[in-house]
């Protein structure tokens, strides 16, 4: 889970995501796929998080492993506001 402090929480705003739209929020990315947006991505298999810039590849299987058979899939959970 992404953590914030009392001093930084004022810089967050809540996004309204829809199950039918907003591909950035609802898409599950496979390892090595390009990130659709800059931000924090959470592994759906284990809950670990990573950061990625828009267009950069998400961690590969050999960079993020599970001890069991859970799939590595990345979901955007915090989108960064960027000018690019």
Protein backbone atom coordinates (compact mmCIF):
# COMPACT_ATOMS: atom_id res chain seq x y z
CA UNK A 1 0.00 0.00 0.00
CA UNK A 2 1.31 3.44 -0.89
CA UNK A 3 1.88 5.54 2.24
CA UNK A 4 1.59 9.29 2.71
CA UNK A 5 2.28 11.62 5.62
CA UNK A 6 -0.01 14.25 7.13
CA UNK A 7 2.07 16.89 5.34
CA UNK A 8 1.81 15.26 1.90
CA UNK A 9 -1.81 14.08 1.92
CA UNK A 10 -2.98 17.56 0.83
CA UNK A 11 -1.22 17.01 -2.51
CA UNK A 12 -3.39 13.99 -3.36
CA UNK A 13 -6.71 14.09 -5.15
CA UNK A 14 -9.13 11.23 -5.60
CA UNK A 15 -9.78 10.01 -9.14
CA UNK A 16 -13.11 8.61 -10.15
CA UNK A 17 -12.38 5.32 -11.89
CA UNK A 18 -14.96 3.29 -13.74
CA UNK A 19 -14.93 -0.44 -14.37
CA UNK A 20 -16.07 0.28 -17.92
CA UNK A 21 -13.54 2.98 -18.80
CA UNK A 22 -10.36 4.61 -17.60
CA UNK A 23 -8.01 2.04 -19.11
CA UNK A 24 -5.06 3.40 -17.11
CA UNK A 25 -6.67 2.30 -13.83
CA UNK A 26 -8.24 -0.97 -14.90
CA UNK A 27 -5.63 -2.52 -17.17
CA UNK A 28 -3.49 -5.32 -15.76
CA UNK A 29 0.00 -5.08 -17.24
CA UNK A 30 2.26 -8.07 -17.85
CA UNK A 31 5.95 -7.93 -16.89
CA UNK A 32 7.99 -5.92 -19.39
CA UNK A 33 4.98 -4.07 -20.79
CA UNK A 34 5.15 -0.28 -21.16
CA UNK A 35 3.42 1.76 -18.46
CA UNK A 36 0.44 3.76 -19.74
CA UNK A 37 1.02 6.49 -17.14
CA UNK A 38 3.71 7.60 -14.70
CA UNK A 39 2.99 6.48 -11.16
CA UNK A 40 2.95 3.65 -8.65
CA UNK A 41 2.01 0.16 -9.83
CA UNK A 42 1.00 -2.70 -7.51
CA UNK A 43 1.57 -6.39 -8.23
CA UNK A 44 -1.83 -8.08 -8.11
CA UNK A 45 -0.18 -11.34 -7.06
CA UNK A 46 1.66 -10.20 -3.93
CA UNK A 47 0.87 -6.53 -3.26
CA UNK A 48 4.43 -5.23 -3.73
CA UNK A 49 4.70 -1.86 -5.46
CA UNK A 50 7.03 -0.28 -7.99
CA UNK A 51 7.26 3.09 -9.71
CA UNK A 52 7.38 3.61 -13.44
CA UNK A 53 7.46 6.49 -15.89
CA UNK A 54 4.99 6.62 -18.78
CA UNK A 55 6.37 4.51 -21.62
CA UNK A 56 8.99 2.77 -19.46
CA UNK A 57 8.78 -0.98 -19.09
CA UNK A 58 7.43 -2.53 -15.92
CA UNK A 59 9.63 -5.04 -14.05
CA UNK A 60 10.31 -8.33 -15.83
CA UNK A 61 9.74 -11.81 -14.33
CA UNK A 62 13.39 -12.09 -13.29
CA UNK A 63 13.22 -8.69 -11.54
CA UNK A 64 10.05 -9.48 -9.57
CA UNK A 65 9.50 -13.11 -8.59
CA UNK A 66 6.97 -14.97 -6.48
CA UNK A 67 7.88 -18.10 -4.52
CA UNK A 68 4.59 -19.71 -5.50
CA UNK A 69 2.58 -19.84 -8.73
CA UNK A 70 0.91 -16.43 -8.38
CA UNK A 71 0.99 -14.40 -11.59
CA UNK A 72 2.88 -11.14 -11.78
CA UNK A 73 0.46 -8.49 -13.08
CA UNK A 74 0.85 -4.76 -12.50
CA UNK A 75 -2.03 -2.31 -11.86
CA UNK A 76 -1.71 1.48 -11.65
CA UNK A 77 -2.74 2.59 -8.14
CA UNK A 78 -1.32 6.15 -7.94
CA UNK A 79 -1.01 8.28 -11.06
CA UNK A 80 1.66 10.99 -11.08
CA UNK A 81 0.84 14.39 -12.55
CA UNK A 82 3.39 15.06 -15.26
CA UNK A 83 3.72 17.42 -18.20
CA UNK A 84 4.85 14.67 -20.58
